[in-house]
C-alpha atoms as a PDB file:
ATOM      1  CA  UNK A   1      -1.450   1.838  18.323  1.00  0.00           C
ATOM      2  CA  UNK A   2      -3.717   4.624  17.127  1.00  0.00           C
ATOM      3  CA  UNK A   3      -6.715   3.505  15.060  1.00  0.00           C
ATOM      4  CA  UNK A   4      -8.737   5.323  12.428  1.00  0.00           C
ATOM      5  CA  UNK A   5     -12.010   4.643  10.661  1.00  0.00           C
ATOM      6  CA  UNK A   6     -13.397   5.747   7.303  1.00  0.00           C
ATOM      7  CA  UNK A   7     -17.166   5.863   6.879  1.00  0.00           C
ATOM      8  CA  UNK A   8     -17.421   3.698   3.764  1.00  0.00           C
ATOM      9  CA  UNK A   9     -14.928   1.111   5.017  1.00  0.00           C
ATOM     10  CA  UNK A  10     -16.991   0.730   8.168  1.00  0.00           C
ATOM     11  CA  UNK A  11     -14.263  -0.687  10.378  1.00  0.00           C
ATOM     12  CA  UNK A  12     -11.496   0.614  12.605  1.00  0.00           C
ATOM     13  CA  UNK A  13      -7.926  -0.146  11.522  1.00  0.00           C
ATOM     14  CA  UNK A  14      -4.468   0.513  12.940  1.00  0.00           C
ATOM     15  CA  UNK A  15      -2.920   3.625  11.454  1.00  0.00           C
ATOM     16  CA  UNK A  16       0.206   1.592  10.618  1.00  0.00           C
ATOM     17  CA  UNK A  17      -0.507  -1.657   8.809  1.00  0.00           C
ATOM     18  CA  UNK A  18       1.635  -4.220   7.041  1.00  0.00           C
ATOM     19  CA  UNK A  19       2.111  -4.600   3.304  1.00  0.00           C
ATOM     20  CA  UNK A  20       2.662  -8.243   2.414  1.00  0.00           C
ATOM     21  CA  UNK A  21       4.130  -8.013  -1.101  1.00  0.00           C
ATOM     22  CA  UNK A  22       7.583  -8.882   0.260  1.00  0.00           C
ATOM     23  CA  UNK A  23       6.234 -12.135   1.668  1.00  0.00           C
ATOM     24  CA  UNK A  24       5.149 -13.322  -1.757  1.00  0.00           C
ATOM     25  CA  UNK A  25       7.773 -12.397  -4.340  1.00  0.00           C
ATOM     26  CA  UNK A  26       9.734  -9.653  -6.124  1.00  0.00           C
ATOM     27  CA  UNK A  27      11.829  -8.553  -3.129  1.00  0.00           C
ATOM     28  CA  UNK A  28      14.211 -11.485  -2.876  1.00  0.00           C
ATOM     29  CA  UNK A  29      13.429 -14.673  -1.010  1.00  0.00           C
ATOM     30  CA  UNK A  30      11.669 -14.614   2.370  1.00  0.00           C
ATOM     31  CA  UNK A  31      11.224 -18.129   3.754  1.00  0.00           C
ATOM     32  CA  UNK A  32       8.000 -19.277   5.392  1.00  0.00           C
ATOM     33  CA  UNK A  33       9.261 -19.068   8.960  1.00  0.00           C
ATOM     34  CA  UNK A  34      10.518 -15.506   8.489  1.00  0.00           C
ATOM     35  CA  UNK A  35       7.289 -14.493   6.762  1.00  0.00           C
ATOM     36  CA  UNK A  36       5.157 -15.770   9.625  1.00  0.00           C
ATOM     37  CA  UNK A  37       7.481 -14.096  12.120  1.00  0.00           C
ATOM     38  CA  UNK A  38       6.943 -10.781  10.301  1.00  0.00           C
ATOM     39  CA  UNK A  39       3.164 -11.177  10.450  1.00  0.00           C
ATOM     40  CA  UNK A  40       3.123 -12.060  14.146  1.00  0.00           C
ATOM     41  CA  UNK A  41       5.596  -9.313  15.077  1.00  0.00           C
ATOM     42  CA  UNK A  42       3.419  -6.734  13.371  1.00  0.00           C
ATOM     43  CA  UNK A  43       0.334  -7.944  15.244  1.00  0.00           C
ATOM     44  CA  UNK A  44       2.264  -8.075  18.525  1.00  0.00           C
ATOM     45  CA  UNK A  45       2.969  -4.369  18.092  1.00  0.00           C
ATOM     46  CA  UNK A  46      -0.611  -3.337  17.437  1.00  0.00           C
ATOM     47  CA  UNK A  47      -0.986  -3.769  13.668  1.00  0.00           C
ATOM     48  CA  UNK A  48      -4.504  -4.881  12.736  1.00  0.00           C
ATOM     49  CA  UNK A  49      -4.503  -4.199   8.959  1.00  0.00           C
ATOM     50  CA  UNK A  50      -2.679  -6.507   6.531  1.00  0.00           C
ATOM     51  CA  UNK A  51      -2.594  -5.882   2.779  1.00  0.00           C
ATOM     52  CA  UNK A  52      -1.890  -8.647   0.265  1.00  0.00           C
ATOM     53  CA  UNK A  53      -2.819  -9.605  -3.327  1.00  0.00           C
ATOM     54  CA  UNK A  54      -3.549 -12.719  -5.332  1.00  0.00           C
ATOM     55  CA  UNK A  55      -0.581 -11.975  -7.603  1.00  0.00           C
ATOM     56  CA  UNK A  56       2.065 -11.739  -4.855  1.00  0.00           C
ATOM     57  CA  UNK A  57       3.961 -14.966  -5.408  1.00  0.00           C
ATOM     58  CA  UNK A  58       0.896 -16.175  -7.365  1.00  0.00           C
ATOM     59  CA  UNK A  59      -0.974 -16.732  -4.120  1.00  0.00           C
ATOM     60  CA  UNK A  60       1.934 -17.385  -1.746  1.00  0.00           C
ATOM     61  CA  UNK A  61       1.419 -14.160   0.201  1.00  0.00           C
ATOM     62  CA  UNK A  62      -2.311 -14.795   0.608  1.00  0.00           C
ATOM     63  CA  UNK A  63      -1.653 -18.365   1.743  1.00  0.00           C
ATOM     64  CA  UNK A  64       0.861 -17.221   4.362  1.00  0.00           C
ATOM     65  CA  UNK A  65      -1.539 -14.561   5.616  1.00  0.00           C
ATOM     66  CA  UNK A  66      -4.221 -17.253   5.796  1.00  0.00           C
ATOM     67  CA  UNK A  67      -1.991 -19.421   7.962  1.00  0.00           C
ATOM     68  CA  UNK A  68      -1.309 -16.410  10.171  1.00  0.00           C
ATOM     69  CA  UNK A  69      -5.059 -15.789  10.531  1.00  0.00           C
ATOM     70  CA  UNK A  70      -5.607 -19.336  11.730  1.00  0.00           C
ATOM     71  CA  UNK A  71      -2.836 -18.913  14.295  1.00  0.00           C
ATOM     72  CA  UNK A  72      -3.779 -15.400  15.402  1.00  0.00           C
ATOM     73  CA  UNK A  73      -7.527 -15.307  15.797  1.00  0.00           C
ATOM     74  CA  UNK A  74      -9.894 -12.350  15.640  1.00  0.00           C
ATOM     75  CA  UNK A  75      -9.333  -8.609  15.422  1.00  0.00           C
ATOM     76  CA  UNK A  76      -7.437  -8.631  12.112  1.00  0.00           C
ATOM     77  CA  UNK A  77      -8.534  -6.941   8.874  1.00  0.00           C
ATOM     78  CA  UNK A  78      -7.116  -8.380   5.655  1.00  0.00           C
ATOM     79  CA  UNK A  79      -7.267  -6.501   2.383  1.00  0.00           C
ATOM     80  CA  UNK A  80      -6.416  -8.364  -0.784  1.00  0.00           C
ATOM     81  CA  UNK A  81      -6.351  -7.358  -4.438  1.00  0.00           C
ATOM     82  CA  UNK A  82      -7.382  -8.986  -7.695  1.00  0.00           C
ATOM     83  CA  UNK A  83      -6.888  -8.520 -11.415  1.00  0.00           C
ATOM     84  CA  UNK A  84      -3.153  -8.518 -12.123  1.00  0.00           C
ATOM     85  CA  UNK A  85      -2.928 -12.231 -12.835  1.00  0.00           C
ATOM     86  CA  UNK A  86      -4.856 -11.656 -16.086  1.00  0.00           C
ATOM     87  CA  UNK A  87      -4.091  -9.705 -19.245  1.00  0.00           C
ATOM     88  CA  UNK A  88      -4.833  -6.070 -18.516  1.00  0.00           C
ATOM     89  CA  UNK A  89      -7.967  -5.443 -20.553  1.00  0.00           C
ATOM     90  CA  UNK A  90     -11.248  -4.080 -19.242  1.00  0.00           C
ATOM     91  CA  UNK A  91     -12.991  -7.168 -20.654  1.00  0.00           C
ATOM     92  CA  UNK A  92     -11.073  -9.353 -18.203  1.00  0.00           C
ATOM     93  CA  UNK A  93     -12.513  -7.426 -15.255  1.00  0.00           C
ATOM     94  CA  UNK A  94     -15.762  -9.315 -15.677  1.00  0.00           C
ATOM     95  CA  UNK A  95     -18.451 -10.770 -13.415  1.00  0.00           C
ATOM     96  CA  UNK A  96     -17.310 -14.363 -14.049  1.00  0.00           C
ATOM     97  CA  UNK A  97     -13.631 -13.555 -13.503  1.00  0.00           C
ATOM     98  CA  UNK A  98     -14.436 -11.684 -10.300  1.00  0.00           C
ATOM     99  CA  UNK A  99     -16.149 -14.787  -8.917  1.00  0.00           C
ATOM    100  CA  UNK A 100     -13.293 -17.065  -9.884  1.00  0.00           C
ATOM    101  CA  UNK A 101     -10.691 -14.696  -8.433  1.00  0.00           C
ATOM    102  CA  UNK A 102     -12.787 -14.243  -5.307  1.00  0.00           C
ATOM    103  CA  UNK A 103     -13.091 -18.010  -4.813  1.00  0.00           C
ATOM    104  CA  UNK A 104      -9.325 -18.438  -5.144  1.00  0.00           C
ATOM    105  CA  UNK A 105      -8.509 -15.662  -2.662  1.00  0.00           C
ATOM    106  CA  UNK A 106     -11.039 -16.933  -0.110  1.00  0.00           C
ATOM    107  CA  UNK A 107      -9.488 -20.388  -0.394  1.00  0.00           C
ATOM    108  CA  UNK A 108      -5.947 -19.047  -0.045  1.00  0.00           C
ATOM    109  CA  UNK A 109      -6.901 -16.959   2.991  1.00  0.00           C
ATOM    110  CA  UNK A 110      -9.165 -19.610   4.485  1.00  0.00           C
ATOM    111  CA  UNK A 111     -12.120 -17.243   4.960  1.00  0.00           C
ATOM    112  CA  UNK A 112     -15.722 -17.166   3.791  1.00  0.00           C
ATOM    113  CA  UNK A 113     -15.883 -13.386   3.354  1.00  0.00           C
ATOM    114  CA  UNK A 114     -13.062 -11.082   2.283  1.00  0.00           C
ATOM    115  CA  UNK A 115     -12.827  -8.009   4.508  1.00  0.00           C
ATOM    116  CA  UNK A 116     -11.761  -5.797   1.605  1.00  0.00           C
ATOM    117  CA  UNK A 117     -10.980  -6.646  -2.007  1.00  0.00           C
ATOM    118  CA  UNK A 118      -9.362  -4.082  -4.278  1.00  0.00           C
ATOM    119  CA  UNK A 119      -8.993  -3.947  -8.028  1.00  0.00           C
ATOM    120  CA  UNK A 120      -5.244  -4.054  -8.521  1.00  0.00           C
ATOM    121  CA  UNK A 121      -4.176  -1.034 -10.601  1.00  0.00           C
ATOM    122  CA  UNK A 122      -6.628  -1.847 -13.404  1.00  0.00           C
ATOM    123  CA  UNK A 123      -6.715  -0.273 -16.885  1.00  0.00           C
ATOM    124  CA  UNK A 124      -7.609   3.404 -16.887  1.00  0.00           C
ATOM    125  CA  UNK A 125     -10.721   2.871 -19.030  1.00  0.00           C
ATOM    126  CA  UNK A 126     -12.229   0.650 -16.325  1.00  0.00           C
ATOM    127  CA  UNK A 127     -13.164   3.600 -14.110  1.00  0.00           C
ATOM    128  CA  UNK A 128     -15.786   4.688 -16.664  1.00  0.00           C
ATOM    129  CA  UNK A 129     -17.316   1.206 -16.985  1.00  0.00           C
ATOM    130  CA  UNK A 130     -20.489   0.864 -14.920  1.00  0.00           C
ATOM    131  CA  UNK A 131     -20.710  -2.905 -15.390  1.00  0.00           C
ATOM    132  CA  UNK A 132     -17.465  -3.421 -13.462  1.00  0.00           C
ATOM    133  CA  UNK A 133     -18.768  -1.645 -10.381  1.00  0.00           C
ATOM    134  CA  UNK A 134     -22.177  -3.314 -10.689  1.00  0.00           C
ATOM    135  CA  UNK A 135     -20.393  -6.678 -10.547  1.00  0.00           C
ATOM    136  CA  UNK A 136     -18.450  -5.583  -7.468  1.00  0.00           C
ATOM    137  CA  UNK A 137     -21.712  -4.537  -5.834  1.00  0.00           C
ATOM    138  CA  UNK A 138     -22.996  -8.061  -6.471  1.00  0.00           C
ATOM    139  CA  UNK A 139     -20.009  -9.539  -4.602  1.00  0.00           C
ATOM    140  CA  UNK A 140     -20.998  -7.457  -1.584  1.00  0.00           C
ATOM    141  CA  UNK A 141     -24.703  -8.308  -1.915  1.00  0.00           C
ATOM    142  CA  UNK A 142     -23.879 -12.023  -2.086  1.00  0.00           C
ATOM    143  CA  UNK A 143     -21.717 -11.892   1.041  1.00  0.00           C
ATOM    144  CA  UNK A 144     -18.495 -12.737  -0.785  1.00  0.00           C
ATOM    145  CA  UNK A 145     -16.792  -9.501   0.280  1.00  0.00           C
ATOM    146  CA  UNK A 146     -17.571  -6.983   3.010  1.00  0.00           C
ATOM    147  CA  UNK A 147     -16.292  -4.003   0.998  1.00  0.00           C
ATOM    148  CA  UNK A 148     -14.363  -3.178  -2.155  1.00  0.00           C
ATOM    149  CA  UNK A 149     -11.898  -0.556  -3.275  1.00  0.00           C
ATOM    150  CA  UNK A 150      -9.328   0.257  -5.938  1.00  0.00           C
ATOM    151  CA  UNK A 151      -5.552   0.404  -5.918  1.00  0.00           C
ATOM    152  CA  UNK A 152      -4.581   3.145  -8.354  1.00  0.00           C
ATOM    153  CA  UNK A 153      -1.530   4.485 -10.129  1.00  0.00           C
ATOM    154  CA  UNK A 154      -2.619   8.076 -10.772  1.00  0.00           C
ATOM    155  CA  UNK A 155      -4.407  10.927  -9.059  1.00  0.00           C
ATOM    156  CA  UNK A 156      -6.999  11.043 -11.858  1.00  0.00           C
ATOM    157  CA  UNK A 157      -7.808   7.362 -11.304  1.00  0.00           C
ATOM    158  CA  UNK A 158      -8.152   7.966  -7.575  1.00  0.00           C
ATOM    159  CA  UNK A 159     -10.615  10.809  -8.077  1.00  0.00           C
ATOM    160  CA  UNK A 160     -12.732   8.707 -10.450  1.00  0.00           C
ATOM    161  CA  UNK A 161     -12.747   5.849  -7.947  1.00  0.00           C
ATOM    162  CA  UNK A 162     -13.771   8.147  -5.081  1.00  0.00           C
ATOM    163  CA  UNK A 163     -16.678   9.400  -7.195  1.00  0.00           C
ATOM    164  CA  UNK A 164     -18.098   5.858  -7.379  1.00  0.00           C
ATOM    165  CA  UNK A 165     -20.683   5.672  -4.578  1.00  0.00           C
ATOM    166  CA  UNK A 166     -19.744   2.263  -3.149  1.00  0.00           C
ATOM    167  CA  UNK A 167     -15.943   2.395  -3.371  1.00  0.00           C
ATOM    168  CA  UNK A 168     -14.792   2.019   0.238  1.00  0.00           C
ATOM    169  CA  UNK A 169     -11.060   2.574  -0.192  1.00  0.00           C
ATOM    170  CA  UNK A 170      -8.425   3.961  -2.504  1.00  0.00           C
ATOM    171  CA  UNK A 171      -4.896   2.647  -2.241  1.00  0.00           C
ATOM    172  CA  UNK A 172      -2.352   5.070  -3.679  1.00  0.00           C
ATOM    173  CA  UNK A 173       1.388   5.692  -3.587  1.00  0.00           C
ATOM    174  CA  UNK A 174       1.897   8.390  -0.981  1.00  0.00           C
ATOM    175  CA  UNK A 175       5.201   9.279   0.630  1.00  0.00           C
ATOM    176  CA  UNK A 176       7.657  12.155   0.983  1.00  0.00           C
ATOM    177  CA  UNK A 177       8.576  11.612  -2.686  1.00  0.00           C
ATOM    178  CA  UNK A 178       4.956  11.555  -3.929  1.00  0.00           C
ATOM    179  CA  UNK A 179       3.066  14.615  -2.678  1.00  0.00           C
ATOM    180  CA  UNK A 180       0.556  15.108  -5.488  1.00  0.00           C
ATOM    181  CA  UNK A 181      -2.250  13.149  -3.706  1.00  0.00           C
ATOM    182  CA  UNK A 182      -2.275  15.829  -0.994  1.00  0.00           C
ATOM    183  CA  UNK A 183      -3.688  18.389  -3.427  1.00  0.00           C
ATOM    184  CA  UNK A 184      -7.018  16.793  -4.408  1.00  0.00           C
ATOM    185  CA  UNK A 185      -7.185  13.099  -3.522  1.00  0.00           C
ATOM    186  CA  UNK A 186      -6.960  13.348   0.257  1.00  0.00           C
ATOM    187  CA  UNK A 187      -9.564  16.136   0.553  1.00  0.00           C
ATOM    188  CA  UNK A 188     -11.941  14.318  -1.828  1.00  0.00           C
ATOM    189  CA  UNK A 189     -11.594  11.025   0.035  1.00  0.00           C
ATOM    190  CA  UNK A 190     -12.140  12.731   3.368  1.00  0.00           C
ATOM    191  CA  UNK A 191     -15.301  14.439   2.129  1.00  0.00           C
ATOM    192  CA  UNK A 192     -16.670  11.170   0.722  1.00  0.00           C
ATOM    193  CA  UNK A 193     -15.724   8.976   3.678  1.00  0.00           C
ATOM    194  CA  UNK A 194     -13.383   6.843   1.552  1.00  0.00           C
ATOM    195  CA  UNK A 195     -10.421   5.189   3.271  1.00  0.00           C
ATOM    196  CA  UNK A 196      -6.974   6.149   2.000  1.00  0.00           C
ATOM    197  CA  UNK A 197      -4.429   3.324   2.117  1.00  0.00           C
ATOM    198  CA  UNK A 198      -0.938   4.786   1.637  1.00  0.00           C
ATOM    199  CA  UNK A 199       1.271   2.314  -0.196  1.00  0.00           C
ATOM    200  CA  UNK A 200       4.972   2.337  -1.125  1.00  0.00           C
ATOM    201  CA  UNK A 201       5.484   4.604   1.910  1.00  0.00           C
ATOM    202  CA  UNK A 202       9.257   4.119   1.995  1.00  0.00           C
ATOM    203  CA  UNK A 203       9.742   4.464  -1.774  1.00  0.00           C
ATOM    204  CA  UNK A 204      10.897   0.838  -2.086  1.00  0.00           C
ATOM    205  CA  UNK A 205      13.311   1.352   0.787  1.00  0.00           C
ATOM    206  CA  UNK A 206      14.911   4.587  -0.396  1.00  0.00           C
ATOM    207  CA  UNK A 207      13.310   6.443   2.487  1.00  0.00           C
ATOM    208  CA  UNK A 208      14.696   3.956   4.975  1.00  0.00           C
ATOM    209  CA  UNK A 209      18.010   5.802   4.628  1.00  0.00           C
ATOM    210  CA  UNK A 210      19.907   2.505   4.499  1.00  0.00           C
ATOM    211  CA  UNK A 211      20.923   2.540   0.841  1.00  0.00           C
ATOM    212  CA  UNK A 212      23.921   4.071  -0.935  1.00  0.00           C
ATOM    213  CA  UNK A 213      25.037   4.381  -4.533  1.00  0.00           C
ATOM    214  CA  UNK A 214      26.865   1.077  -4.078  1.00  0.00           C
ATOM    215  CA  UNK A 215      23.856  -0.897  -2.808  1.00  0.00           C
ATOM    216  CA  UNK A 216      22.881  -3.784  -5.065  1.00  0.00           C
ATOM    217  CA  UNK A 217      19.696  -5.844  -5.190  1.00  0.00           C
ATOM    218  CA  UNK A 218      19.193  -9.446  -6.247  1.00  0.00           C
ATOM    219  CA  UNK A 219      18.096 -10.451  -9.742  1.00  0.00           C
ATOM    220  CA  UNK A 220      14.678 -11.508  -8.390  1.00  0.00           C
ATOM    221  CA  UNK A 221      14.121  -8.087  -6.783  1.00  0.00           C
ATOM    222  CA  UNK A 222      12.016  -5.524  -8.692  1.00  0.00           C
ATOM    223  CA  UNK A 223      14.523  -2.851  -7.643  1.00  0.00           C
ATOM    224  CA  UNK A 224      16.857  -4.569 -10.102  1.00  0.00           C
ATOM    225  CA  UNK A 225      14.562  -5.621 -12.930  1.00  0.00           C
ATOM    226  CA  UNK A 226      11.957  -2.835 -12.953  1.00  0.00           C
ATOM    227  CA  UNK A 227      14.063   0.319 -12.693  1.00  0.00           C
ATOM    228  CA  UNK A 228      12.766   1.498 -16.050  1.00  0.00           C
ATOM    229  CA  UNK A 229       9.309  -0.088 -15.938  1.00  0.00           C
ATOM    230  CA  UNK A 230      10.320  -3.295 -17.694  1.00  0.00           C
ATOM    231  CA  UNK A 231       7.853  -5.479 -15.747  1.00  0.00           C
ATOM    232  CA  UNK A 232       5.160  -3.100 -14.446  1.00  0.00           C
ATOM    233  CA  UNK A 233       4.604   0.611 -13.814  1.00  0.00           C
ATOM    234  CA  UNK A 234       7.958   2.183 -12.967  1.00  0.00           C
ATOM    235  CA  UNK A 235       6.230   4.248 -10.312  1.00  0.00           C
ATOM    236  CA  UNK A 236       6.060   1.131  -8.141  1.00  0.00           C
ATOM    237  CA  UNK A 237       9.872   1.007  -7.947  1.00  0.00           C
ATOM    238  CA  UNK A 238      11.489   3.780  -5.895  1.00  0.00           C
ATOM    239  CA  UNK A 239       8.218   5.704  -6.473  1.00  0.00           C
ATOM    240  CA  UNK A 240       9.435   6.477  -9.987  1.00  0.00           C
ATOM    241  CA  UNK A 241      12.332   8.576  -8.699  1.00  0.00           C
ATOM    242  CA  UNK A 242      15.759   7.995 -10.294  1.00  0.00           C
ATOM    243  CA  UNK A 243      17.790   6.132  -7.692  1.00  0.00           C
ATOM    244  CA  UNK A 244      20.658   8.597  -7.275  1.00  0.00           C
ATOM    245  CA  UNK A 245      18.276  11.576  -7.140  1.00  0.00           C
ATOM    246  CA  UNK A 246      16.398   9.776  -4.392  1.00  0.00           C
ATOM    247  CA  UNK A 247      19.623   9.297  -2.451  1.00  0.00           C
ATOM    248  CA  UNK A 248      20.356  13.032  -2.691  1.00  0.00           C
ATOM    249  CA  UNK A 249      16.902  13.864  -1.367  1.00  0.00           C
ATOM    250  CA  UNK A 250      17.262  11.415   1.524  1.00  0.00           C
ATOM    251  CA  UNK A 251      20.439  13.167   2.648  1.00  0.00           C
ATOM    252  CA  UNK A 252      18.553  16.476   2.623  1.00  0.00           C
ATOM    253  CA  UNK A 253      15.798  14.946   4.773  1.00  0.00           C
ATOM    254  CA  UNK A 254      18.052  13.103   7.207  1.00  0.00           C
ATOM    255  CA  UNK A 255      18.609  16.085   9.575  1.00  0.00           C
ATOM    256  CA  UNK A 256      14.846  16.243  10.109  1.00  0.00           C
ATOM    257  CA  UNK A 257      14.704  12.796  11.751  1.00  0.00           C
ATOM    258  CA  UNK A 258      13.829  13.120  15.472  1.00  0.00           C
ATOM    259  CA  UNK A 259      16.350  11.936  18.030  1.00  0.00           C
ATOM    260  CA  UNK A 260      15.938   8.246  18.746  1.00  0.00           C
ATOM    261  CA  UNK A 261      13.974   7.563  15.559  1.00  0.00           C
ATOM    262  CA  UNK A 262      15.074   5.904  12.342  1.00  0.00           C
ATOM    263  CA  UNK A 263      14.756   7.451   8.905  1.00  0.00           C
ATOM    264  CA  UNK A 264      12.069   4.885   8.079  1.00  0.00           C
ATOM    265  CA  UNK A 265      10.070   5.799  11.179  1.00  0.00           C
ATOM    266  CA  UNK A 266      10.341   9.475  10.261  1.00  0.00           C
ATOM    267  CA  UNK A 267       9.031   8.757   6.756  1.00  0.00           C
ATOM    268  CA  UNK A 268       6.115   6.755   8.147  1.00  0.00           C
ATOM    269  CA  UNK A 269       5.314   9.365  10.801  1.00  0.00           C
ATOM    270  CA  UNK A 270       5.178  12.008   8.063  1.00  0.00           C
ATOM    271  CA  UNK A 271       2.324  10.015   6.503  1.00  0.00           C
ATOM    272  CA  UNK A 272       0.589   9.308   9.819  1.00  0.00           C
ATOM    273  CA  UNK A 273       0.532  13.077  10.411  1.00  0.00           C
ATOM    274  CA  UNK A 274      -1.934  13.364   7.500  1.00  0.00           C
ATOM    275  CA  UNK A 275      -5.353  12.947   9.140  1.00  0.00           C
ATOM    276  CA  UNK A 276      -7.076  11.874   5.913  1.00  0.00           C
ATOM    277  CA  UNK A 277      -4.878   8.746   5.691  1.00  0.00           C
ATOM    278  CA  UNK A 278      -6.600   5.707   7.199  1.00  0.00           C
ATOM    279  CA  UNK A 279      -3.605   3.382   7.192  1.00  0.00           C
ATOM    280  CA  UNK A 280      -0.060   3.277   5.846  1.00  0.00           C
ATOM    281  CA  UNK A 281       1.247  -0.136   4.760  1.00  0.00           C
ATOM    282  CA  UNK A 282       5.042  -0.498   4.894  1.00  0.00           C
ATOM    283  CA  UNK A 283       6.430  -3.924   4.109  1.00  0.00           C
ATOM    284  CA  UNK A 284       8.991  -5.845   6.127  1.00  0.00           C
ATOM    285  CA  UNK A 285      11.346  -8.735   5.491  1.00  0.00           C
ATOM    286  CA  UNK A 286      11.967  -9.623   9.133  1.00  0.00           C
ATOM    287  CA  UNK A 287      10.323  -9.248  12.535  1.00  0.00           C
ATOM    288  CA  UNK A 288      12.625  -6.426  13.609  1.00  0.00           C
ATOM    289  CA  UNK A 289      11.594  -4.295  10.626  1.00  0.00           C
ATOM    290  CA  UNK A 290       7.915  -4.993  11.290  1.00  0.00           C
ATOM    291  CA  UNK A 291       8.263  -3.908  14.925  1.00  0.00           C
ATOM    292  CA  UNK A 292      10.224  -0.794  13.982  1.00  0.00           C
ATOM    293  CA  UNK A 293       7.633   0.246  11.416  1.00  0.00           C
ATOM    294  CA  UNK A 294       4.792  -0.157  13.921  1.00  0.00           C
ATOM    295  CA  UNK A 295       6.668   2.008  16.424  1.00  0.00           C
ATOM    296  CA  UNK A 296       6.443   4.975  14.036  1.00  0.00           C
ATOM    297  CA  UNK A 297       2.859   5.494  15.192  1.00  0.00           C
ATOM    298  CA  UNK A 298       4.126   6.358  18.685  1.00  0.00           C
ATOM    299  CA  UNK A 299       6.372   9.205  17.525  1.00  0.00           C
ATOM    300  CA  UNK A 300       5.208  12.742  18.217  1.00  0.00           C
ATOM    301  CA  UNK A 301       3.758  14.653  15.249  1.00  0.00           C
ATOM    302  CA  UNK A 302       6.559  16.196  13.210  1.00  0.00           C
ATOM    303  CA  UNK A 303       5.343  19.796  13.155  1.00  0.00           C
ATOM    304  CA  UNK A 304       4.530  22.282  10.408  1.00  0.00           C
ATOM    305  CA  UNK A 305       8.153  23.342   9.944  1.00  0.00           C
ATOM    306  CA  UNK A 306       9.229  19.765   9.181  1.00  0.00           C
ATOM    307  CA  UNK A 307       6.364  19.269   6.749  1.00  0.00           C
ATOM    308  CA  UNK A 308       7.325  22.511   5.025  1.00  0.00           C
ATOM    309  CA  UNK A 309      10.921  21.343   4.632  1.00  0.00           C
ATOM    310  CA  UNK A 310       9.793  17.990   3.221  1.00  0.00           C
ATOM    311  CA  UNK A 311       7.775  19.892   0.621  1.00  0.00           C
ATOM    312  CA  UNK A 312      10.738  22.132  -0.167  1.00  0.00           C
ATOM    313  CA  UNK A 313      12.983  19.123  -0.805  1.00  0.00           C
ATOM    314  CA  UNK A 314      10.255  17.544  -2.930  1.00  0.00           C
ATOM    315  CA  UNK A 315       9.760  20.696  -4.992  1.00  0.00           C
ATOM    316  CA  UNK A 316      13.474  21.121  -5.620  1.00  0.00           C
ATOM    317  CA  UNK A 317      14.652  17.550  -6.233  1.00  0.00           C
ATOM    318  CA  UNK A 318      11.722  15.193  -6.811  1.00  0.00           C
ATOM    319  CA  UNK A 319       8.799  17.047  -8.374  1.00  0.00           C
ATOM    320  CA  UNK A 320      10.265  17.184 -11.920  1.00  0.00           C
ATOM    321  CA  UNK A 321      10.387  13.381 -12.105  1.00  0.00           C
ATOM    322  CA  UNK A 322       6.980  12.408 -10.704  1.00  0.00           C
ATOM    323  CA  UNK A 323       4.468  15.208 -10.269  1.00  0.00           C
ATOM    324  CA  UNK A 324       3.089  15.422 -13.794  1.00  0.00           C
ATOM    325  CA  UNK A 325       3.321  11.684 -14.465  1.00  0.00           C
ATOM    326  CA  UNK A 326       1.158  10.200 -11.718  1.00  0.00           C
END
């Protein structure tokens, strides 16, 4: 597994990681045994970066990752996130709340120091609030966290986060259906030494190529209940792309998939080809998916002609829905 390092993050991580939202909630039920099998399968195939959050299953994902850490040993980097369990006001992103949230996550994960803690898509006004970042600096100074970053919704938020001198990472939606970060965010992060964590890399599964117009999702799956942003930002579900438009785009991309690779591996390799990306974090609901995602790192680079065709499909079918919104 190829590894990359960003200056501010200060640690080497596998270029393909594992997103652990599915192991907590909002994607249908994943039992404990299957969740642990996913975590171990990812590590068995070279994954060293695991991304979770305190809100995923209200701590269930963190707790499962903590059990995995006790079983697995050293060499693993865990990123968690904080803030979405509270009402989304800047006032709630306070020094006292940070300490309480930090204590809870350290307990759930069973660690003394969090490798990386990220503000979890906080209110837009927060990025202009010095006190928030001063409080995060205190968490580092006190040895509660090794580094901090921000998970963002928009390009503008990402650029403001990168401009903060101690932000180590920016987590942003980046996939073949969300190309806007390539214009300014990736170059700015590269120049500043900020890690880019590419999330929602398969557009909630659309880019796996496994879905059709007749596919249905369970009532406890955000792909059912958040199609129009009813529960949280609609950009988190299918990357904000209308489902049937996404299916059309997938069929246009399918001929680009290399022989012997899956559509999901192609979509992940497209991201890995971007040298400014530190790690891409696909999720998985079973060990087979986790292993298949990790294998994307071993594919050959896709080539300029393939990247040009991905952009052409984006410009024609996807850009009108997402480019000016996020």
